[in-house]
Amino acid sequence: MPKSAVIPENPTVGATIHSIANGIHETLLKRYVNSVEEEDAKINAIMEAAKVQCQPHVDQIKEIKKAAAESGIAKKPLNAKLAERKFLRRAEHVTDALNDNQKDVFMEISLKLGDLPLFQGLDG
């Protein structure tokens, strides 16, 4: 599949100068983030369709958890631990490949979007 990109409207000269003088241009950043999120929504629709194929595995997991509960393992703590481990596996290395300069930009993006960084170790 060929690479393509959604290019938001070009910023004005004034906005470009503002970006250079004050870091990331907020409006342009939000356009890019919105474009990515729109594409992500399309992926989510595809993934929804894949749930049908996953259902036998989901059913098997339910049976395993039921057996664990029947053996005396509390359901809620087990589910919480499984969710935590899944989340951490997915998020574990998202910033590993960033150099110090890129981590600074990552932090700036987080601040402009009003997000708290997941990994507090980035702040110094």
PDB file of N, CA and C in Angstrom:
ATOM      1  N   MET A   1       0.855  -1.174   0.000  1.00  0.00           N
ATOM      2  CA  MET A   1       0.000   0.000   0.000  1.00  0.00           C
ATOM      3  C   MET A   1       0.900   1.236   0.000  1.00  0.00           C
ATOM      4  N   PRO A   2       0.689   2.179  -0.906  1.00  0.00           N
ATOM      5  CA  PRO A   2       1.549   3.364  -0.959  1.00  0.00           C
ATOM      6  C   PRO A   2       1.318   4.261   0.246  1.00  0.00           C
ATOM      7  N   LYS A   3       2.389   4.942   0.620  1.00  0.00           N
ATOM      8  CA  LYS A   3       2.281   5.888   1.728  1.00  0.00           C
ATOM      9  C   LYS A   3       1.555   7.135   1.261  1.00  0.00           C
ATOM     10  N   SER A   4       0.691   7.638   2.101  1.00  0.00           N
ATOM     11  CA  SER A   4       0.024   8.904   1.817  1.00  0.00           C
ATOM     12  C   SER A   4      -0.143   9.634   3.141  1.00  0.00           C
ATOM     13  N   ALA A   5      -0.323  10.919   3.059  1.00  0.00           N
ATOM     14  CA  ALA A   5      -0.472  11.703   4.284  1.00  0.00           C
ATOM     15  C   ALA A   5      -1.586  12.704   4.107  1.00  0.00           C
ATOM     16  N   VAL A   6      -2.318  12.915   5.160  1.00  0.00           N
ATOM     17  CA  VAL A   6      -3.315  13.971   5.168  1.00  0.00           C
ATOM     18  C   VAL A   6      -2.565  15.237   5.544  1.00  0.00           C
ATOM     19  N   ILE A   7      -2.524  16.178   4.630  1.00  0.00           N
ATOM     20  CA  ILE A   7      -1.814  17.428   4.889  1.00  0.00           C
ATOM     21  C   ILE A   7      -2.846  18.489   5.226  1.00  0.00           C
ATOM     22  N   PRO A   8      -2.880  18.922   6.481  1.00  0.00           N
ATOM     23  CA  PRO A   8      -3.804  20.005   6.819  1.00  0.00           C
ATOM     24  C   PRO A   8      -3.420  21.277   6.072  1.00  0.00           C
ATOM     25  N   GLU A   9      -4.348  22.228   6.046  1.00  0.00           N
ATOM     26  CA  GLU A   9      -4.068  23.499   5.381  1.00  0.00           C
ATOM     27  C   GLU A   9      -2.740  24.056   5.877  1.00  0.00           C
ATOM     28  N   ASN A  10      -1.995  24.662   4.949  1.00  0.00           N
ATOM     29  CA  ASN A  10      -0.720  25.266   5.340  1.00  0.00           C
ATOM     30  C   ASN A  10      -0.971  26.442   6.258  1.00  0.00           C
ATOM     31  N   PRO A  11      -0.113  26.586   7.260  1.00  0.00           N
ATOM     32  CA  PRO A  11      -0.278  27.747   8.144  1.00  0.00           C
ATOM     33  C   PRO A  11       0.107  29.021   7.399  1.00  0.00           C
ATOM     34  N   THR A  12      -0.377  30.118   7.895  1.00  0.00           N
ATOM     35  CA  THR A  12      -0.016  31.403   7.301  1.00  0.00           C
ATOM     36  C   THR A  12       1.436  31.716   7.615  1.00  0.00           C
ATOM     37  N   VAL A  13       1.990  32.699   6.909  1.00  0.00           N
ATOM     38  CA  VAL A  13       3.361  33.120   7.183  1.00  0.00           C
ATOM     39  C   VAL A  13       3.484  33.550   8.633  1.00  0.00           C
ATOM     40  N   GLY A  14       2.503  34.278   9.123  1.00  0.00           N
ATOM     41  CA  GLY A  14       2.528  34.731  10.511  1.00  0.00           C
ATOM     42  C   GLY A  14       2.537  33.558  11.476  1.00  0.00           C
ATOM     43  N   ALA A  15       1.740  32.531  11.156  1.00  0.00           N
ATOM     44  CA  ALA A  15       1.703  31.356  12.020  1.00  0.00           C
ATOM     45  C   ALA A  15       3.033  30.630  11.992  1.00  0.00           C
ATOM     46  N   THR A  16       3.653  30.564  10.826  1.00  0.00           N
ATOM     47  CA  THR A  16       4.957  29.911  10.718  1.00  0.00           C
ATOM     48  C   THR A  16       5.988  30.662  11.535  1.00  0.00           C
ATOM     49  N   ILE A  17       5.988  31.974  11.438  1.00  0.00           N
ATOM     50  CA  ILE A  17       6.915  32.778  12.233  1.00  0.00           C
ATOM     51  C   ILE A  17       6.637  32.563  13.711  1.00  0.00           C
ATOM     52  N   HIS A  18       5.360  32.521  14.086  1.00  0.00           N
ATOM     53  CA  HIS A  18       4.971  32.269  15.475  1.00  0.00           C
ATOM     54  C   HIS A  18       5.515  30.920  15.919  1.00  0.00           C
ATOM     55  N   SER A  19       5.411  29.903  15.053  1.00  0.00           N
ATOM     56  CA  SER A  19       5.900  28.575  15.388  1.00  0.00           C
ATOM     57  C   SER A  19       7.390  28.582  15.633  1.00  0.00           C
ATOM     58  N   ILE A  20       8.118  29.280  14.779  1.00  0.00           N
ATOM     59  CA  ILE A  20       9.566  29.338  14.919  1.00  0.00           C
ATOM     60  C   ILE A  20       9.934  30.067  16.201  1.00  0.00           C
ATOM     61  N   ALA A  21       9.242  31.154  16.494  1.00  0.00           N
ATOM     62  CA  ALA A  21       9.582  31.970  17.656  1.00  0.00           C
ATOM     63  C   ALA A  21       9.129  31.325  18.966  1.00  0.00           C
ATOM     64  N   ASN A  22       8.010  30.621  18.963  1.00  0.00           N
ATOM     65  CA  ASN A  22       7.420  30.147  20.213  1.00  0.00           C
ATOM     66  C   ASN A  22       7.224  28.632  20.268  1.00  0.00           C
ATOM     67  N   GLY A  23       7.935  27.866  19.484  1.00  0.00           N
ATOM     68  CA  GLY A  23       7.779  26.417  19.534  1.00  0.00           C
ATOM     69  C   GLY A  23       6.713  25.942  18.568  1.00  0.00           C
ATOM     70  N   ILE A  24       5.959  24.958  18.965  1.00  0.00           N
ATOM     71  CA  ILE A  24       4.972  24.313  18.109  1.00  0.00           C
ATOM     72  C   ILE A  24       3.731  25.188  17.977  1.00  0.00           C
ATOM     73  N   HIS A  25       3.252  25.350  16.738  1.00  0.00           N
ATOM     74  CA  HIS A  25       2.033  26.122  16.478  1.00  0.00           C
ATOM     75  C   HIS A  25       0.834  25.282  16.913  1.00  0.00           C
ATOM     76  N   GLU A  26       0.081  25.784  17.863  1.00  0.00           N
ATOM     77  CA  GLU A  26      -1.002  25.025  18.485  1.00  0.00           C
ATOM     78  C   GLU A  26      -2.086  24.599  17.505  1.00  0.00           C
ATOM     79  N   THR A  27      -2.529  25.518  16.645  1.00  0.00           N
ATOM     80  CA  THR A  27      -3.596  25.198  15.696  1.00  0.00           C
ATOM     81  C   THR A  27      -3.150  24.127  14.714  1.00  0.00           C
ATOM     82  N   LEU A  28      -1.944  24.272  14.204  1.00  0.00           N
ATOM     83  CA  LEU A  28      -1.416  23.283  13.263  1.00  0.00           C
ATOM     84  C   LEU A  28      -1.250  21.928  13.953  1.00  0.00           C
ATOM     85  N   LEU A  29      -0.737  21.922  15.170  1.00  0.00           N
ATOM     86  CA  LEU A  29      -0.593  20.695  15.934  1.00  0.00           C
ATOM     87  C   LEU A  29      -1.941  19.994  16.072  1.00  0.00           C
ATOM     88  N   LYS A  30      -2.964  20.757  16.424  1.00  0.00           N
ATOM     89  CA  LYS A  30      -4.290  20.174  16.611  1.00  0.00           C
ATOM     90  C   LYS A  30      -4.840  19.601  15.310  1.00  0.00           C
ATOM     91  N   ARG A  31      -4.542  20.257  14.175  1.00  0.00           N
ATOM     92  CA  ARG A  31      -4.978  19.720  12.875  1.00  0.00           C
ATOM     93  C   ARG A  31      -4.343  18.369  12.608  1.00  0.00           C
ATOM     94  N   TYR A  32      -3.033  18.274  12.870  1.00  0.00           N
ATOM     95  CA  TYR A  32      -2.350  17.002  12.657  1.00  0.00           C
ATOM     96  C   TYR A  32      -2.902  15.926  13.584  1.00  0.00           C
ATOM     97  N   VAL A  33      -3.081  16.264  14.845  1.00  0.00           N
ATOM     98  CA  VAL A  33      -3.599  15.294  15.806  1.00  0.00           C
ATOM     99  C   VAL A  33      -4.995  14.843  15.392  1.00  0.00           C
ATOM    100  N   ASN A  34      -5.855  15.769  14.974  1.00  0.00           N
ATOM    101  CA  ASN A  34      -7.201  15.406  14.534  1.00  0.00           C
ATOM    102  C   ASN A  34      -7.163  14.491  13.320  1.00  0.00           C
ATOM    103  N   SER A  35      -6.259  14.764  12.367  1.00  0.00           N
ATOM    104  CA  SER A  35      -6.137  13.911  11.182  1.00  0.00           C
ATOM    105  C   SER A  35      -5.727  12.498  11.563  1.00  0.00           C
ATOM    106  N   VAL A  36      -4.767  12.387  12.473  1.00  0.00           N
ATOM    107  CA  VAL A  36      -4.339  11.064  12.930  1.00  0.00           C
ATOM    108  C   VAL A  36      -5.492  10.357  13.628  1.00  0.00           C
ATOM    109  N   GLU A  37      -6.219  11.077  14.460  1.00  0.00           N
ATOM    110  CA  GLU A  37      -7.330  10.464  15.182  1.00  0.00           C
ATOM    111  C   GLU A  37      -8.448  10.017  14.244  1.00  0.00           C
ATOM    112  N   GLU A  38      -8.673  10.752  13.152  1.00  0.00           N
ATOM    113  CA  GLU A  38      -9.664  10.326  12.157  1.00  0.00           C
ATOM    114  C   GLU A  38      -9.244   9.016  11.502  1.00  0.00           C
ATOM    115  N   GLU A  39      -7.960   8.905  11.165  1.00  0.00           N
ATOM    116  CA  GLU A  39      -7.460   7.663  10.574  1.00  0.00           C
ATOM    117  C   GLU A  39      -7.540   6.526  11.585  1.00  0.00           C
ATOM    118  N   ASP A  40      -7.246   6.839  12.839  1.00  0.00           N
ATOM    119  CA  ASP A  40      -7.338   5.842  13.892  1.00  0.00           C
ATOM    120  C   ASP A  40      -8.765   5.320  14.031  1.00  0.00           C
ATOM    121  N   ALA A  41      -9.738   6.190  13.856  1.00  0.00           N
ATOM    122  CA  ALA A  41     -11.147   5.770  13.913  1.00  0.00           C
ATOM    123  C   ALA A  41     -11.454   4.767  12.801  1.00  0.00           C
ATOM    124  N   LYS A  42     -10.854   4.966  11.634  1.00  0.00           N
ATOM    125  CA  LYS A  42     -11.037   4.018  10.527  1.00  0.00           C
ATOM    126  C   LYS A  42     -10.445   2.658  10.884  1.00  0.00           C
ATOM    127  N   ILE A  43      -9.271   2.693  11.508  1.00  0.00           N
ATOM    128  CA  ILE A  43      -8.652   1.447  11.942  1.00  0.00           C
ATOM    129  C   ILE A  43      -9.539   0.754  12.968  1.00  0.00           C
ATOM    130  N   ASN A  44     -10.089   1.532  13.881  1.00  0.00           N
ATOM    131  CA  ASN A  44     -10.972   0.954  14.898  1.00  0.00           C
ATOM    132  C   ASN A  44     -12.174   0.264  14.272  1.00  0.00           C
ATOM    133  N   ALA A  45     -12.703   0.823  13.197  1.00  0.00           N
ATOM    134  CA  ALA A  45     -13.834   0.193  12.508  1.00  0.00           C
ATOM    135  C   ALA A  45     -13.427  -1.164  11.933  1.00  0.00           C
ATOM    136  N   ILE A  46     -12.230  -1.222  11.379  1.00  0.00           N
ATOM    137  CA  ILE A  46     -11.718  -2.486  10.844  1.00  0.00           C
ATOM    138  C   ILE A  46     -11.544  -3.496  11.971  1.00  0.00           C
ATOM    139  N   MET A  47     -11.022  -3.020  13.090  1.00  0.00           N
ATOM    140  CA  MET A  47     -10.795  -3.901  14.226  1.00  0.00           C
ATOM    141  C   MET A  47     -12.120  -4.430  14.802  1.00  0.00           C
ATOM    142  N   GLU A  48     -13.148  -3.611  14.773  1.00  0.00           N
ATOM    143  CA  GLU A  48     -14.473  -4.051  15.217  1.00  0.00           C
ATOM    144  C   GLU A  48     -14.906  -5.277  14.429  1.00  0.00           C
ATOM    145  N   ALA A  49     -14.674  -5.217  13.118  1.00  0.00           N
ATOM    146  CA  ALA A  49     -15.048  -6.346  12.266  1.00  0.00           C
ATOM    147  C   ALA A  49     -14.238  -7.597  12.622  1.00  0.00           C
ATOM    148  N   ALA A  50     -13.024  -7.407  13.063  1.00  0.00           N
ATOM    149  CA  ALA A  50     -12.167  -8.544  13.415  1.00  0.00           C
ATOM    150  C   ALA A  50     -12.596  -9.217  14.716  1.00  0.00           C
ATOM    151  N   LYS A  51     -13.412  -8.544  15.496  1.00  0.00           N
ATOM    152  CA  LYS A  51     -13.857  -9.129  16.764  1.00  0.00           C
ATOM    153  C   LYS A  51     -14.560 -10.468  16.562  1.00  0.00           C
ATOM    154  N   VAL A  52     -15.219 -10.613  15.446  1.00  0.00           N
ATOM    155  CA  VAL A  52     -15.919 -11.873  15.164  1.00  0.00           C
ATOM    156  C   VAL A  52     -14.918 -13.028  15.156  1.00  0.00           C
ATOM    157  N   GLN A  53     -13.769 -12.808  14.535  1.00  0.00           N
ATOM    158  CA  GLN A  53     -12.744 -13.848  14.490  1.00  0.00           C
ATOM    159  C   GLN A  53     -12.139 -14.103  15.866  1.00  0.00           C
ATOM    160  N   CYS A  54     -12.124 -13.096  16.690  1.00  0.00           N
ATOM    161  CA  CYS A  54     -11.515 -13.216  18.019  1.00  0.00           C
ATOM    162  C   CYS A  54     -12.433 -13.880  19.039  1.00  0.00           C
ATOM    163  N   GLN A  55     -13.710 -13.938  18.760  1.00  0.00           N
ATOM    164  CA  GLN A  55     -14.673 -14.387  19.759  1.00  0.00           C
ATOM    165  C   GLN A  55     -14.356 -15.748  20.365  1.00  0.00           C
ATOM    166  N   PRO A  56     -13.926 -16.747  19.588  1.00  0.00           N
ATOM    167  CA  PRO A  56     -13.593 -18.023  20.237  1.00  0.00           C
ATOM    168  C   PRO A  56     -12.479 -17.881  21.282  1.00  0.00           C
ATOM    169  N   HIS A  57     -11.529 -17.014  21.032  1.00  0.00           N
ATOM    170  CA  HIS A  57     -10.443 -16.795  21.988  1.00  0.00           C
ATOM    171  C   HIS A  57     -10.943 -16.052  23.224  1.00  0.00           C
ATOM    172  N   VAL A  58     -11.846 -15.101  23.009  1.00  0.00           N
ATOM    173  CA  VAL A  58     -12.461 -14.381  24.126  1.00  0.00           C
ATOM    174  C   VAL A  58     -13.217 -15.370  25.009  1.00  0.00           C
ATOM    175  N   ASP A  59     -13.942 -16.267  24.370  1.00  0.00           N
ATOM    176  CA  ASP A  59     -14.683 -17.274  25.123  1.00  0.00           C
ATOM    177  C   ASP A  59     -13.741 -18.174  25.918  1.00  0.00           C
ATOM    178  N   GLN A  60     -12.610 -18.527  25.327  1.00  0.00           N
ATOM    179  CA  GLN A  60     -11.628 -19.365  26.022  1.00  0.00           C
ATOM    180  C   GLN A  60     -11.053 -18.643  27.238  1.00  0.00           C
ATOM    181  N   ILE A  61     -10.767 -17.356  27.087  1.00  0.00           N
ATOM    182  CA  ILE A  61     -10.256 -16.564  28.211  1.00  0.00           C
ATOM    183  C   ILE A  61     -11.281 -16.540  29.341  1.00  0.00           C
ATOM    184  N   LYS A  62     -12.549 -16.380  29.003  1.00  0.00           N
ATOM    185  CA  LYS A  62     -13.602 -16.400  30.031  1.00  0.00           C
ATOM    186  C   LYS A  62     -13.598 -17.719  30.797  1.00  0.00           C
ATOM    187  N   GLU A  63     -13.409 -18.813  30.066  1.00  0.00           N
ATOM    188  CA  GLU A  63     -13.375 -20.125  30.720  1.00  0.00           C
ATOM    189  C   GLU A  63     -12.159 -20.254  31.639  1.00  0.00           C
ATOM    190  N   ILE A  64     -11.024 -19.744  31.206  1.00  0.00           N
ATOM    191  CA  ILE A  64      -9.806 -19.789  32.028  1.00  0.00           C
ATOM    192  C   ILE A  64     -10.004 -18.968  33.293  1.00  0.00           C
ATOM    193  N   LYS A  65     -10.583 -17.768  33.153  1.00  0.00           N
ATOM    194  CA  LYS A  65     -10.826 -16.919  34.323  1.00  0.00           C
ATOM    195  C   LYS A  65     -11.837 -17.571  35.266  1.00  0.00           C
ATOM    196  N   LYS A  66     -12.826 -18.240  34.706  1.00  0.00           N
ATOM    197  CA  LYS A  66     -13.817 -18.937  35.534  1.00  0.00           C
ATOM    198  C   LYS A  66     -13.133 -20.046  36.338  1.00  0.00           C
ATOM    199  N   ALA A  67     -12.243 -20.794  35.680  1.00  0.00           N
ATOM    200  CA  ALA A  67     -11.510 -21.856  36.372  1.00  0.00           C
ATOM    201  C   ALA A  67     -10.625 -21.265  37.468  1.00  0.00           C
ATOM    202  N   ALA A  68     -10.003 -20.133  37.190  1.00  0.00           N
ATOM    203  CA  ALA A  68      -9.164 -19.471  38.200  1.00  0.00           C
ATOM    204  C   ALA A  68     -10.007 -19.075  39.406  1.00  0.00           C
ATOM    205  N   ALA A  69     -11.192 -18.523  39.153  1.00  0.00           N
ATOM    206  CA  ALA A  69     -12.088 -18.122  40.244  1.00  0.00           C
ATOM    207  C   ALA A  69     -12.533 -19.337  41.049  1.00  0.00           C
ATOM    208  N   GLU A  70     -12.823 -20.421  40.354  1.00  0.00           N
ATOM    209  CA  GLU A  70     -13.258 -21.643  41.043  1.00  0.00           C
ATOM    210  C   GLU A  70     -12.132 -22.242  41.888  1.00  0.00           C
ATOM    211  N   SER A  71     -10.887 -21.926  41.534  1.00  0.00           N
ATOM    212  CA  SER A  71      -9.760 -22.447  42.312  1.00  0.00           C
ATOM    213  C   SER A  71      -9.407 -21.520  43.485  1.00  0.00           C
ATOM    214  N   GLY A  72     -10.180 -20.421  43.647  1.00  0.00           N
ATOM    215  CA  GLY A  72      -9.987 -19.546  44.797  1.00  0.00           C
ATOM    216  C   GLY A  72      -9.317 -18.218  44.501  1.00  0.00           C
ATOM    217  N   ILE A  73      -9.002 -17.931  43.248  1.00  0.00           N
ATOM    218  CA  ILE A  73      -8.382 -16.648  42.896  1.00  0.00           C
ATOM    219  C   ILE A  73      -9.489 -15.627  42.676  1.00  0.00           C
ATOM    220  N   ALA A  74      -9.427 -14.526  43.409  1.00  0.00           N
ATOM    221  CA  ALA A  74     -10.467 -13.496  43.333  1.00  0.00           C
ATOM    222  C   ALA A  74     -10.511 -12.887  41.932  1.00  0.00           C
ATOM    223  N   LYS A  75     -11.714 -12.738  41.395  1.00  0.00           N
ATOM    224  CA  LYS A  75     -11.898 -12.273  40.016  1.00  0.00           C
ATOM    225  C   LYS A  75     -11.404 -10.845  39.789  1.00  0.00           C
ATOM    226  N   LYS A  76     -11.872  -9.924  40.615  1.00  0.00           N
ATOM    227  CA  LYS A  76     -11.586  -8.513  40.379  1.00  0.00           C
ATOM    228  C   LYS A  76     -10.083  -8.202  40.445  1.00  0.00           C
ATOM    229  N   PRO A  77      -9.363  -8.669  41.464  1.00  0.00           N
ATOM    230  CA  PRO A  77      -7.917  -8.421  41.480  1.00  0.00           C
ATOM    231  C   PRO A  77      -7.186  -9.087  40.309  1.00  0.00           C
ATOM    232  N   LEU A  78      -7.605 -10.298  39.947  1.00  0.00           N
ATOM    233  CA  LEU A  78      -6.977 -10.966  38.805  1.00  0.00           C
ATOM    234  C   LEU A  78      -7.197 -10.173  37.526  1.00  0.00           C
ATOM    235  N   ASN A  79      -8.429  -9.730  37.297  1.00  0.00           N
ATOM    236  CA  ASN A  79      -8.726  -8.941  36.095  1.00  0.00           C
ATOM    237  C   ASN A  79      -7.954  -7.627  36.084  1.00  0.00           C
ATOM    238  N   ALA A  80      -7.835  -7.002  37.255  1.00  0.00           N
ATOM    239  CA  ALA A  80      -7.079  -5.751  37.337  1.00  0.00           C
ATOM    240  C   ALA A  80      -5.610  -5.995  36.993  1.00  0.00           C
ATOM    241  N   LYS A  81      -5.035  -7.068  37.514  1.00  0.00           N
ATOM    242  CA  LYS A  81      -3.630  -7.383  37.232  1.00  0.00           C
ATOM    243  C   LYS A  81      -3.440  -7.710  35.755  1.00  0.00           C
ATOM    244  N   LEU A  82      -4.339  -8.475  35.173  1.00  0.00           N
ATOM    245  CA  LEU A  82      -4.234  -8.804  33.744  1.00  0.00           C
ATOM    246  C   LEU A  82      -4.333  -7.544  32.880  1.00  0.00           C
ATOM    247  N   ALA A  83      -5.247  -6.646  33.229  1.00  0.00           N
ATOM    248  CA  ALA A  83      -5.390  -5.394  32.473  1.00  0.00           C
ATOM    249  C   ALA A  83      -4.134  -4.543  32.593  1.00  0.00           C
ATOM    250  N   GLU A  84      -3.596  -4.458  33.804  1.00  0.00           N
ATOM    251  CA  GLU A  84      -2.376  -3.682  34.015  1.00  0.00           C
ATOM    252  C   GLU A  84      -1.222  -4.243  33.195  1.00  0.00           C
ATOM    253  N   ARG A  85      -1.029  -5.551  33.222  1.00  0.00           N
ATOM    254  CA  ARG A  85       0.076  -6.173  32.479  1.00  0.00           C
ATOM    255  C   ARG A  85      -0.077  -5.969  30.972  1.00  0.00           C
ATOM    256  N   LYS A  86      -1.304  -6.051  30.478  1.00  0.00           N
ATOM    257  CA  LYS A  86      -1.561  -5.828  29.050  1.00  0.00           C
ATOM    258  C   LYS A  86      -1.221  -4.386  28.665  1.00  0.00           C
ATOM    259  N   PHE A  87      -1.692  -3.447  29.480  1.00  0.00           N
ATOM    260  CA  PHE A  87      -1.429  -2.034  29.233  1.00  0.00           C
ATOM    261  C   PHE A  87       0.070  -1.745  29.245  1.00  0.00           C
ATOM    262  N   LEU A  88       0.767  -2.253  30.252  1.00  0.00           N
ATOM    263  CA  LEU A  88       2.202  -1.995  30.370  1.00  0.00           C
ATOM    264  C   LEU A  88       2.988  -2.619  29.211  1.00  0.00           C
ATOM    265  N   ARG A  89       2.584  -3.799  28.761  1.00  0.00           N
ATOM    266  CA  ARG A  89       3.260  -4.408  27.601  1.00  0.00           C
ATOM    267  C   ARG A  89       3.138  -3.518  26.377  1.00  0.00           C
ATOM    268  N   ARG A  90       1.978  -2.937  26.189  1.00  0.00           N
ATOM    269  CA  ARG A  90       1.756  -2.077  25.016  1.00  0.00           C
ATOM    270  C   ARG A  90       2.491  -0.742  25.129  1.00  0.00           C
ATOM    271  N   ALA A  91       2.572  -0.198  26.342  1.00  0.00           N
ATOM    272  CA  ALA A  91       3.116   1.147  26.520  1.00  0.00           C
ATOM    273  C   ALA A  91       4.591   1.176  26.911  1.00  0.00           C
ATOM    274  N   GLU A  92       5.153   0.017  27.181  1.00  0.00           N
ATOM    275  CA  GLU A  92       6.460  -0.078  27.802  1.00  0.00           C
ATOM    276  C   GLU A  92       7.567   0.721  27.115  1.00  0.00           C
ATOM    277  N   HIS A  93       7.622   0.688  25.817  1.00  0.00           N
ATOM    278  CA  HIS A  93       8.780   1.255  25.128  1.00  0.00           C
ATOM    279  C   HIS A  93       8.441   2.403  24.181  1.00  0.00           C
ATOM    280  N   VAL A  94       7.327   3.071  24.386  1.00  0.00           N
ATOM    281  CA  VAL A  94       6.908   4.093  23.418  1.00  0.00           C
ATOM    282  C   VAL A  94       7.870   5.262  23.299  1.00  0.00           C
ATOM    283  N   THR A  95       8.605   5.578  24.344  1.00  0.00           N
ATOM    284  CA  THR A  95       9.528   6.713  24.272  1.00  0.00           C
ATOM    285  C   THR A  95      10.995   6.288  24.260  1.00  0.00           C
ATOM    286  N   ASP A  96      11.263   5.002  24.253  1.00  0.00           N
ATOM    287  CA  ASP A  96      12.649   4.527  24.291  1.00  0.00           C
ATOM    288  C   ASP A  96      13.495   5.032  23.129  1.00  0.00           C
ATOM    289  N   ALA A  97      12.916   5.136  21.951  1.00  0.00           N
ATOM    290  CA  ALA A  97      13.686   5.507  20.767  1.00  0.00           C
ATOM    291  C   ALA A  97      13.913   7.017  20.649  1.00  0.00           C
ATOM    292  N   LEU A  98      13.361   7.801  21.565  1.00  0.00           N
ATOM    293  CA  LEU A  98      13.511   9.251  21.481  1.00  0.00           C
ATOM    294  C   LEU A  98      14.821   9.698  22.114  1.00  0.00           C
ATOM    295  N   ASN A  99      15.532  10.597  21.411  1.00  0.00           N
ATOM    296  CA  ASN A  99      16.727  11.187  22.017  1.00  0.00           C
ATOM    297  C   ASN A  99      16.283  12.318  22.950  1.00  0.00           C
ATOM    298  N   ASP A 100      17.230  12.943  23.632  1.00  0.00           N
ATOM    299  CA  ASP A 100      16.867  13.979  24.609  1.00  0.00           C
ATOM    300  C   ASP A 100      16.110  15.136  23.977  1.00  0.00           C
ATOM    301  N   ASN A 101      16.529  15.541  22.785  1.00  0.00           N
ATOM    302  CA  ASN A 101      15.851  16.623  22.068  1.00  0.00           C
ATOM    303  C   ASN A 101      14.406  16.237  21.752  1.00  0.00           C
ATOM    304  N   GLN A 102      14.231  15.017  21.270  1.00  0.00           N
ATOM    305  CA  GLN A 102      12.900  14.532  20.918  1.00  0.00           C
ATOM    306  C   GLN A 102      12.020  14.393  22.163  1.00  0.00           C
ATOM    307  N   LYS A 103      12.627  14.019  23.284  1.00  0.00           N
ATOM    308  CA  LYS A 103      11.857  13.923  24.536  1.00  0.00           C
ATOM    309  C   LYS A 103      11.362  15.299  24.968  1.00  0.00           C
ATOM    310  N   ASP A 104      12.192  16.333  24.726  1.00  0.00           N
ATOM    311  CA  ASP A 104      11.762  17.696  25.033  1.00  0.00           C
ATOM    312  C   ASP A 104      10.556  18.087  24.184  1.00  0.00           C
ATOM    313  N   VAL A 105      10.599  17.748  22.884  1.00  0.00           N
ATOM    314  CA  VAL A 105       9.477  18.051  21.990  1.00  0.00           C
ATOM    315  C   VAL A 105       8.253  17.245  22.413  1.00  0.00           C
ATOM    316  N   PHE A 106       8.458  15.981  22.792  1.00  0.00           N
ATOM    317  CA  PHE A 106       7.371  15.136  23.292  1.00  0.00           C
ATOM    318  C   PHE A 106       6.687  15.800  24.487  1.00  0.00           C
ATOM    319  N   MET A 107       7.490  16.323  25.398  1.00  0.00           N
ATOM    320  CA  MET A 107       6.937  17.002  26.572  1.00  0.00           C
ATOM    321  C   MET A 107       6.173  18.266  26.167  1.00  0.00           C
ATOM    322  N   GLU A 108       6.711  19.015  25.199  1.00  0.00           N
ATOM    323  CA  GLU A 108       6.028  20.221  24.727  1.00  0.00           C
ATOM    324  C   GLU A 108       4.677  19.864  24.105  1.00  0.00           C
ATOM    325  N   ILE A 109       4.669  18.814  23.293  1.00  0.00           N
ATOM    326  CA  ILE A 109       3.413  18.359  22.681  1.00  0.00           C
ATOM    327  C   ILE A 109       2.431  17.960  23.782  1.00  0.00           C
ATOM    328  N   SER A 110       2.905  17.224  24.778  1.00  0.00           N
ATOM    329  CA  SER A 110       2.036  16.810  25.886  1.00  0.00           C
ATOM    330  C   SER A 110       1.426  18.016  26.585  1.00  0.00           C
ATOM    331  N   LEU A 111       2.248  19.019  26.847  1.00  0.00           N
ATOM    332  CA  LEU A 111       1.758  20.219  27.526  1.00  0.00           C
ATOM    333  C   LEU A 111       0.745  20.968  26.681  1.00  0.00           C
ATOM    334  N   LYS A 112       1.034  21.119  25.382  1.00  0.00           N
ATOM    335  CA  LYS A 112       0.115  21.866  24.501  1.00  0.00           C
ATOM    336  C   LYS A 112      -1.221  21.145  24.341  1.00  0.00           C
ATOM    337  N   LEU A 113      -1.191  19.808  24.412  1.00  0.00           N
ATOM    338  CA  LEU A 113      -2.427  19.038  24.299  1.00  0.00           C
ATOM    339  C   LEU A 113      -3.111  18.865  25.650  1.00  0.00           C
ATOM    340  N   GLY A 114      -2.459  19.333  26.710  1.00  0.00           N
ATOM    341  CA  GLY A 114      -3.036  19.183  28.038  1.00  0.00           C
ATOM    342  C   GLY A 114      -2.947  17.766  28.565  1.00  0.00           C
ATOM    343  N   ASP A 115      -2.006  16.972  28.028  1.00  0.00           N
ATOM    344  CA  ASP A 115      -1.828  15.587  28.462  1.00  0.00           C
ATOM    345  C   ASP A 115      -0.723  15.511  29.495  1.00  0.00           C
ATOM    346  N   LEU A 116      -0.889  14.635  30.444  1.00  0.00           N
ATOM    347  CA  LEU A 116       0.198  14.336  31.364  1.00  0.00           C
ATOM    348  C   LEU A 116       1.013  13.216  30.734  1.00  0.00           C
ATOM    349  N   PRO A 117       2.340  13.306  30.791  1.00  0.00           N
ATOM    350  CA  PRO A 117       3.123  12.211  30.233  1.00  0.00           C
ATOM    351  C   PRO A 117       2.940  10.946  31.037  1.00  0.00           C
ATOM    352  N   LEU A 118       2.834   9.822  30.352  1.00  0.00           N
ATOM    353  CA  LEU A 118       2.656   8.545  30.997  1.00  0.00           C
ATOM    354  C   LEU A 118       3.897   8.190  31.809  1.00  0.00           C
ATOM    355  N   PHE A 119       5.043   8.517  31.252  1.00  0.00           N
ATOM    356  CA  PHE A 119       6.305   8.155  31.879  1.00  0.00           C
ATOM    357  C   PHE A 119       6.934   9.402  32.458  1.00  0.00           C
ATOM    358  N   GLN A 120       6.801   9.607  33.749  1.00  0.00           N
ATOM    359  CA  GLN A 120       7.273  10.804  34.415  1.00  0.00           C
ATOM    360  C   GLN A 120       8.779  10.967  34.335  1.00  0.00           C
ATOM    361  N   GLY A 121       9.517   9.884  34.035  1.00  0.00           N
ATOM    362  CA  GLY A 121      10.967   9.956  33.943  1.00  0.00           C
ATOM    363  C   GLY A 121      11.450  10.846  32.824  1.00  0.00           C
ATOM    364  N   LEU A 122      10.582  11.240  31.918  1.00  0.00           N
ATOM    365  CA  LEU A 122      10.984  12.100  30.805  1.00  0.00           C
ATOM    366  C   LEU A 122      11.241  13.534  31.238  1.00  0.00           C
ATOM    367  N   ASP A 123      10.702  13.917  32.385  1.00  0.00           N
ATOM    368  CA  ASP A 123      10.790  15.329  32.754  1.00  0.00           C
ATOM    369  C   ASP A 123      12.113  15.690  33.408  1.00  0.00           C
ATOM    370  N   GLY A 124      13.072  14.847  33.335  1.00  0.00           N
ATOM    371  CA  GLY A 124      14.393  15.230  33.789  1.00  0.00           C
ATOM    372  C   GLY A 124      14.888  14.303  34.790  1.00  0.00           C
TER     373      GLY A 124
END
